[in-house]
Amino acid sequence: MRDTEKKEYTLDELYNGMQVRESQLSNVYNIHIVLVNSFLTEDGDIEGTVGFIGSTLNSESNRLNRRGVMVTHIYNEEAEKEGEIYYDD
């Protein structure tokens, strides 16, 4: 794995067109990130190009869902990380 594949990004470092892996976004919370042209890497991670960054999904993010283009939606909820969300069985 290259050093650039190990770096975890902050929201301020992300931009549309940037090539990232899902694991590099684990410190970005409560923000929707849509990766286009995404694929599964040999080590089981998901890699793609950032196509959308926003607090809510909208028509811009919806346009990325085109036929034949693999799209991955990433949303890390901070409350889940902190153990504040509980699910009833």
N, C-alpha and C. Protein backbone atom coordinates (compact mmCIF):
# COMPACT_ATOMS: atom_id res chain seq x y z
N MET A 1 0.83 -1.17 0.00
CA MET A 1 0.00 0.00 0.00
C MET A 1 0.89 1.25 0.00
N ARG A 2 0.59 2.19 -0.88
CA ARG A 2 1.35 3.43 -0.95
C ARG A 2 1.00 4.31 0.25
N ASP A 3 1.92 5.22 0.61
CA ASP A 3 1.68 6.14 1.73
C ASP A 3 0.42 6.96 1.51
N THR A 4 0.15 7.36 0.28
CA THR A 4 -1.05 8.16 0.01
C THR A 4 -2.32 7.37 0.26
N GLU A 5 -2.24 6.04 0.18
CA GLU A 5 -3.40 5.20 0.45
C GLU A 5 -3.64 5.02 1.94
N LYS A 6 -2.65 5.35 2.77
CA LYS A 6 -2.78 5.21 4.22
C LYS A 6 -3.31 6.48 4.88
N LYS A 7 -3.15 7.63 4.22
CA LYS A 7 -3.52 8.91 4.81
C LYS A 7 -5.03 8.98 5.03
N GLU A 8 -5.42 9.42 6.22
CA GLU A 8 -6.83 9.68 6.50
C GLU A 8 -7.08 11.17 6.33
N TYR A 9 -8.06 11.50 5.53
CA TYR A 9 -8.32 12.89 5.19
C TYR A 9 -9.34 13.53 6.14
N THR A 10 -9.25 14.85 6.24
CA THR A 10 -10.26 15.64 6.94
C THR A 10 -11.17 16.24 5.87
N LEU A 11 -12.29 16.77 6.29
CA LEU A 11 -13.23 17.38 5.36
C LEU A 11 -12.57 18.51 4.58
N ASP A 12 -11.77 19.31 5.24
CA ASP A 12 -11.12 20.45 4.58
C ASP A 12 -10.15 20.03 3.48
N GLU A 13 -9.66 18.82 3.51
CA GLU A 13 -8.69 18.35 2.50
C GLU A 13 -9.37 17.75 1.27
N LEU A 14 -10.66 17.44 1.37
CA LEU A 14 -11.35 16.76 0.27
C LEU A 14 -11.81 17.75 -0.80
N TYR A 15 -11.81 17.29 -2.05
CA TYR A 15 -12.33 18.10 -3.15
C TYR A 15 -12.86 17.18 -4.24
N ASN A 16 -13.78 17.69 -5.05
CA ASN A 16 -14.32 16.92 -6.16
C ASN A 16 -13.21 16.59 -7.13
N GLY A 17 -13.19 15.35 -7.60
CA GLY A 17 -12.18 14.89 -8.53
C GLY A 17 -11.02 14.18 -7.86
N MET A 18 -11.00 14.19 -6.53
CA MET A 18 -9.92 13.57 -5.76
C MET A 18 -10.12 12.05 -5.72
N GLN A 19 -9.06 11.29 -5.91
CA GLN A 19 -9.10 9.83 -5.83
C GLN A 19 -8.85 9.43 -4.38
N VAL A 20 -9.80 8.70 -3.77
CA VAL A 20 -9.67 8.30 -2.37
C VAL A 20 -10.18 6.88 -2.16
N ARG A 21 -9.85 6.35 -1.01
CA ARG A 21 -10.40 5.07 -0.55
C ARG A 21 -11.36 5.34 0.60
N GLU A 22 -12.35 4.47 0.74
CA GLU A 22 -13.33 4.63 1.81
C GLU A 22 -12.66 4.69 3.17
N SER A 23 -11.65 3.88 3.40
CA SER A 23 -10.98 3.85 4.70
C SER A 23 -10.30 5.17 5.03
N GLN A 24 -9.99 5.97 4.02
CA GLN A 24 -9.35 7.26 4.25
C GLN A 24 -10.34 8.33 4.71
N LEU A 25 -11.62 7.99 4.71
CA LEU A 25 -12.66 8.95 5.06
C LEU A 25 -13.26 8.67 6.43
N SER A 26 -12.62 7.82 7.20
CA SER A 26 -13.20 7.40 8.49
C SER A 26 -13.25 8.51 9.53
N ASN A 27 -12.54 9.61 9.31
CA ASN A 27 -12.58 10.74 10.24
C ASN A 27 -13.45 11.88 9.76
N VAL A 28 -14.23 11.66 8.72
CA VAL A 28 -15.16 12.67 8.20
C VAL A 28 -16.56 12.25 8.63
N TYR A 29 -17.20 13.09 9.46
CA TYR A 29 -18.49 12.72 10.05
C TYR A 29 -19.61 13.65 9.60
N ASN A 30 -20.81 13.06 9.51
CA ASN A 30 -22.05 13.78 9.25
C ASN A 30 -22.02 14.55 7.94
N ILE A 31 -21.30 14.02 6.96
CA ILE A 31 -21.19 14.60 5.62
C ILE A 31 -21.38 13.48 4.61
N HIS A 32 -22.18 13.75 3.59
CA HIS A 32 -22.37 12.78 2.51
C HIS A 32 -21.24 12.94 1.51
N ILE A 33 -20.61 11.83 1.17
CA ILE A 33 -19.57 11.81 0.15
C ILE A 33 -19.97 10.74 -0.86
N VAL A 34 -20.02 11.11 -2.12
CA VAL A 34 -20.36 10.15 -3.17
C VAL A 34 -19.13 9.95 -4.04
N LEU A 35 -18.71 8.68 -4.13
CA LEU A 35 -17.60 8.31 -5.01
C LEU A 35 -18.14 7.77 -6.31
N VAL A 36 -17.59 8.23 -7.41
CA VAL A 36 -17.99 7.71 -8.72
C VAL A 36 -16.86 6.85 -9.27
N ASN A 37 -17.22 6.01 -10.22
CA ASN A 37 -16.26 5.06 -10.81
C ASN A 37 -15.55 4.27 -9.71
N SER A 38 -16.31 3.89 -8.71
CA SER A 38 -15.73 3.19 -7.56
C SER A 38 -15.56 1.70 -7.86
N PHE A 39 -14.62 1.11 -7.16
CA PHE A 39 -14.33 -0.32 -7.34
C PHE A 39 -13.74 -0.88 -6.06
N LEU A 40 -13.81 -2.18 -5.92
CA LEU A 40 -13.26 -2.89 -4.78
C LEU A 40 -11.79 -3.16 -5.04
N THR A 41 -10.94 -2.77 -4.09
CA THR A 41 -9.50 -2.98 -4.24
C THR A 41 -9.14 -4.40 -3.80
N GLU A 42 -7.91 -4.80 -4.07
CA GLU A 42 -7.45 -6.14 -3.71
C GLU A 42 -7.50 -6.39 -2.21
N ASP A 43 -7.33 -5.33 -1.41
CA ASP A 43 -7.35 -5.49 0.04
C ASP A 43 -8.75 -5.29 0.63
N GLY A 44 -9.78 -5.21 -0.21
CA GLY A 44 -11.15 -5.15 0.26
C GLY A 44 -11.68 -3.75 0.54
N ASP A 45 -10.91 -2.74 0.25
CA ASP A 45 -11.35 -1.36 0.42
C ASP A 45 -12.12 -0.93 -0.83
N ILE A 46 -12.80 0.19 -0.76
CA ILE A 46 -13.47 0.75 -1.92
C ILE A 46 -12.72 2.01 -2.33
N GLU A 47 -12.42 2.12 -3.60
CA GLU A 47 -11.70 3.29 -4.11
C GLU A 47 -12.53 3.94 -5.20
N GLY A 48 -12.49 5.25 -5.27
CA GLY A 48 -13.21 5.96 -6.31
C GLY A 48 -12.84 7.43 -6.32
N THR A 49 -13.51 8.17 -7.19
CA THR A 49 -13.28 9.60 -7.35
C THR A 49 -14.40 10.36 -6.66
N VAL A 50 -14.03 11.32 -5.83
CA VAL A 50 -15.04 12.13 -5.14
C VAL A 50 -15.84 12.91 -6.18
N GLY A 51 -17.15 12.70 -6.16
CA GLY A 51 -18.03 13.39 -7.09
C GLY A 51 -18.97 14.35 -6.40
N PHE A 52 -19.13 14.18 -5.09
CA PHE A 52 -20.03 15.04 -4.34
C PHE A 52 -19.62 15.04 -2.88
N ILE A 53 -19.69 16.23 -2.27
CA ILE A 53 -19.46 16.40 -0.83
C ILE A 53 -20.53 17.37 -0.34
N GLY A 54 -21.32 16.97 0.65
CA GLY A 54 -22.35 17.89 1.14
C GLY A 54 -23.03 17.40 2.39
N SER A 55 -23.69 18.31 3.08
CA SER A 55 -24.39 17.95 4.32
C SER A 55 -25.70 17.24 4.05
N THR A 56 -26.28 17.44 2.87
CA THR A 56 -27.50 16.73 2.47
C THR A 56 -27.37 16.32 1.01
N LEU A 57 -28.02 15.22 0.68
CA LEU A 57 -28.06 14.79 -0.71
C LEU A 57 -29.04 15.69 -1.45
N ASN A 58 -28.77 15.95 -2.73
CA ASN A 58 -29.62 16.85 -3.51
C ASN A 58 -29.61 16.44 -4.97
N SER A 59 -30.11 17.30 -5.83
CA SER A 59 -30.17 16.96 -7.26
C SER A 59 -28.77 16.76 -7.84
N GLU A 60 -27.79 17.49 -7.34
CA GLU A 60 -26.41 17.32 -7.81
C GLU A 60 -25.90 15.91 -7.50
N SER A 61 -26.12 15.44 -6.28
CA SER A 61 -25.68 14.09 -5.93
C SER A 61 -26.48 13.04 -6.67
N ASN A 62 -27.76 13.29 -6.88
CA ASN A 62 -28.61 12.33 -7.59
C ASN A 62 -28.19 12.16 -9.05
N ARG A 63 -27.67 13.21 -9.68
CA ARG A 63 -27.23 13.13 -11.08
C ARG A 63 -26.05 12.18 -11.25
N LEU A 64 -25.32 11.91 -10.18
CA LEU A 64 -24.17 11.01 -10.28
C LEU A 64 -24.57 9.56 -10.50
N ASN A 65 -25.81 9.24 -10.17
CA ASN A 65 -26.32 7.87 -10.34
C ASN A 65 -26.73 7.64 -11.78
N ARG A 66 -25.75 7.50 -12.65
CA ARG A 66 -26.00 7.26 -14.07
C ARG A 66 -25.85 5.78 -14.37
N ARG A 67 -26.56 5.35 -15.36
CA ARG A 67 -26.49 3.95 -15.79
C ARG A 67 -25.05 3.61 -16.20
N GLY A 68 -24.54 2.51 -15.68
CA GLY A 68 -23.22 2.02 -16.04
C GLY A 68 -22.08 2.60 -15.24
N VAL A 69 -22.36 3.51 -14.31
CA VAL A 69 -21.31 4.12 -13.49
C VAL A 69 -21.47 3.60 -12.06
N MET A 70 -20.42 2.99 -11.54
CA MET A 70 -20.45 2.48 -10.17
C MET A 70 -20.33 3.67 -9.21
N VAL A 71 -21.30 3.79 -8.31
CA VAL A 71 -21.34 4.90 -7.36
C VAL A 71 -21.39 4.34 -5.95
N THR A 72 -20.61 4.92 -5.04
CA THR A 72 -20.62 4.51 -3.64
C THR A 72 -20.93 5.73 -2.78
N HIS A 73 -21.93 5.58 -1.93
CA HIS A 73 -22.32 6.65 -1.01
C HIS A 73 -21.69 6.36 0.36
N ILE A 74 -21.01 7.36 0.92
CA ILE A 74 -20.35 7.19 2.22
C ILE A 74 -20.90 8.24 3.19
N TYR A 75 -21.31 7.78 4.35
CA TYR A 75 -21.79 8.69 5.40
C TYR A 75 -21.42 8.07 6.74
N ASN A 76 -20.52 8.71 7.46
CA ASN A 76 -20.11 8.25 8.78
C ASN A 76 -20.80 9.11 9.82
N GLU A 77 -21.67 8.51 10.59
CA GLU A 77 -22.41 9.26 11.61
C GLU A 77 -21.59 9.31 12.90
N GLU A 78 -21.32 10.50 13.36
CA GLU A 78 -20.47 10.69 14.53
C GLU A 78 -21.09 10.06 15.78
N ALA A 79 -22.40 10.12 15.91
CA ALA A 79 -23.05 9.56 17.09
C ALA A 79 -22.82 8.05 17.20
N GLU A 80 -22.73 7.37 16.06
CA GLU A 80 -22.45 5.93 16.10
C GLU A 80 -21.05 5.66 16.63
N LYS A 81 -20.11 6.48 16.24
CA LYS A 81 -18.73 6.33 16.70
C LYS A 81 -18.64 6.50 18.21
N GLU A 82 -19.39 7.45 18.72
CA GLU A 82 -19.34 7.76 20.14
C GLU A 82 -20.24 6.84 20.98
N GLY A 83 -20.92 5.91 20.33
CA GLY A 83 -21.75 4.95 21.04
C GLY A 83 -23.06 5.52 21.55
N GLU A 84 -23.52 6.60 20.93
CA GLU A 84 -24.74 7.25 21.41
C GLU A 84 -25.99 6.70 20.75
N ILE A 85 -25.86 5.88 19.73
CA ILE A 85 -27.02 5.34 19.05
C ILE A 85 -27.21 3.89 19.46
N TYR A 86 -28.43 3.57 19.83
CA TYR A 86 -28.76 2.20 20.22
C TYR A 86 -29.90 1.71 19.34
N TYR A 87 -29.84 0.48 18.94
CA TYR A 87 -30.86 -0.10 18.08
C TYR A 87 -31.65 -1.12 18.87
N ASP A 88 -32.98 -1.07 18.74
CA ASP A 88 -33.83 -2.06 19.39
C ASP A 88 -33.88 -3.30 18.52
N ASP A 89 -33.80 -4.46 19.14
CA ASP A 89 -33.88 -5.71 18.41
C ASP A 89 -35.30 -6.14 18.22
